C-alpha atoms as a PDB file:
ATOM      1  CA  UNK A   1      11.713  35.515  35.325  1.00  0.00           C
ATOM      2  CA  UNK A   2      13.520  33.365  32.797  1.00  0.00           C
ATOM      3  CA  UNK A   3      13.947  29.593  33.084  1.00  0.00           C
ATOM      4  CA  UNK A   4      17.034  27.647  33.462  1.00  0.00           C
ATOM      5  CA  UNK A   5      17.555  24.337  31.495  1.00  0.00           C
ATOM      6  CA  UNK A   6      18.960  21.648  33.473  1.00  0.00           C
ATOM      7  CA  UNK A   7      21.882  20.139  31.316  1.00  0.00           C
ATOM      8  CA  UNK A   8      21.438  16.607  30.489  1.00  0.00           C
ATOM      9  CA  UNK A   9      23.848  14.028  32.340  1.00  0.00           C
ATOM     10  CA  UNK A  10      25.420  11.569  29.716  1.00  0.00           C
ATOM     11  CA  UNK A  11      24.138   7.951  29.806  1.00  0.00           C
ATOM     12  CA  UNK A  12      26.059   4.917  29.841  1.00  0.00           C
ATOM     13  CA  UNK A  13      23.802   2.929  27.555  1.00  0.00           C
ATOM     14  CA  UNK A  14      25.094   0.272  25.318  1.00  0.00           C
ATOM     15  CA  UNK A  15      24.040   0.756  21.640  1.00  0.00           C
ATOM     16  CA  UNK A  16      21.894  -2.041  20.268  1.00  0.00           C
ATOM     17  CA  UNK A  17      23.605  -4.996  18.514  1.00  0.00           C
ATOM     18  CA  UNK A  18      23.704  -4.854  14.868  1.00  0.00           C
ATOM     19  CA  UNK A  19      20.989  -6.792  13.194  1.00  0.00           C
ATOM     20  CA  UNK A  20      21.287  -9.552  10.736  1.00  0.00           C
ATOM     21  CA  UNK A  21      22.215  -7.278   7.721  1.00  0.00           C
ATOM     22  CA  UNK A  22      24.848  -5.334   9.879  1.00  0.00           C
ATOM     23  CA  UNK A  23      22.506  -2.365  10.613  1.00  0.00           C
ATOM     24  CA  UNK A  24      21.932  -0.857  14.038  1.00  0.00           C
ATOM     25  CA  UNK A  25      18.643   0.833  12.969  1.00  0.00           C
ATOM     26  CA  UNK A  26      15.224  -0.387  13.742  1.00  0.00           C
ATOM     27  CA  UNK A  27      13.472  -2.782  11.079  1.00  0.00           C
ATOM     28  CA  UNK A  28       9.997  -3.008  10.226  1.00  0.00           C
ATOM     29  CA  UNK A  29       7.719  -5.357  11.912  1.00  0.00           C
ATOM     30  CA  UNK A  30       5.230  -5.589   9.152  1.00  0.00           C
ATOM     31  CA  UNK A  31       4.900  -4.770   5.384  1.00  0.00           C
ATOM     32  CA  UNK A  32       3.530  -1.204   4.959  1.00  0.00           C
ATOM     33  CA  UNK A  33       1.258  -2.243   1.927  1.00  0.00           C
ATOM     34  CA  UNK A  34      -0.611  -5.452   3.288  1.00  0.00           C
ATOM     35  CA  UNK A  35       0.313  -5.735   6.930  1.00  0.00           C
ATOM     36  CA  UNK A  36       1.842  -9.337   6.727  1.00  0.00           C
ATOM     37  CA  UNK A  37       5.134 -10.282   8.529  1.00  0.00           C
ATOM     38  CA  UNK A  38       6.214 -12.215   5.430  1.00  0.00           C
ATOM     39  CA  UNK A  39       8.962 -10.080   4.239  1.00  0.00           C
ATOM     40  CA  UNK A  40      12.828 -10.430   3.812  1.00  0.00           C
ATOM     41  CA  UNK A  41      15.751  -8.115   3.393  1.00  0.00           C
ATOM     42  CA  UNK A  42      17.062  -7.774  -0.270  1.00  0.00           C
ATOM     43  CA  UNK A  43      19.974  -5.886  -1.920  1.00  0.00           C
ATOM     44  CA  UNK A  44      20.891  -3.112   0.327  1.00  0.00           C
ATOM     45  CA  UNK A  45      20.130  -2.171   3.931  1.00  0.00           C
ATOM     46  CA  UNK A  46      16.700  -0.995   4.534  1.00  0.00           C
ATOM     47  CA  UNK A  47      15.081  -2.703   1.502  1.00  0.00           C
ATOM     48  CA  UNK A  48      12.624  -5.548   1.733  1.00  0.00           C
ATOM     49  CA  UNK A  49      10.647  -7.784  -0.292  1.00  0.00           C
ATOM     50  CA  UNK A  50       7.269  -8.928   0.838  1.00  0.00           C
ATOM     51  CA  UNK A  51       6.290 -12.542  -0.248  1.00  0.00           C
ATOM     52  CA  UNK A  52       2.564 -12.039   0.637  1.00  0.00           C
ATOM     53  CA  UNK A  53       1.725  -8.771  -1.641  1.00  0.00           C
ATOM     54  CA  UNK A  54       4.958  -9.545  -3.967  1.00  0.00           C
ATOM     55  CA  UNK A  55       6.127  -5.902  -3.418  1.00  0.00           C
ATOM     56  CA  UNK A  56       9.704  -4.361  -2.544  1.00  0.00           C
ATOM     57  CA  UNK A  57       9.840  -1.351  -0.359  1.00  0.00           C
ATOM     58  CA  UNK A  58      12.594   0.785   1.237  1.00  0.00           C
ATOM     59  CA  UNK A  59      12.720   2.260   4.721  1.00  0.00           C
ATOM     60  CA  UNK A  60      15.128   5.381   5.299  1.00  0.00           C
ATOM     61  CA  UNK A  61      15.599   8.172   7.644  1.00  0.00           C
ATOM     62  CA  UNK A  62      14.553  11.433   6.122  1.00  0.00           C
ATOM     63  CA  UNK A  63      15.581  13.643   8.890  1.00  0.00           C
ATOM     64  CA  UNK A  64      14.143  15.273  12.112  1.00  0.00           C
ATOM     65  CA  UNK A  65      11.645  17.915  12.771  1.00  0.00           C
ATOM     66  CA  UNK A  66      10.207  20.158   9.995  1.00  0.00           C
END
């Protein structure tokens, strides 16, 4: 017997407020290289500079799934 999927009900969730740099995306909590939390946003949204390991890194969405 085929299964029927139940349609999702729309939610009335309020989107998160923009961060300091104006982005609504999640921001990293620590540097991916050294693990410290001593980094600051630079240049464009999604780019950061870590003062602990003196590196710059970028966080961006590549897509969903395969």
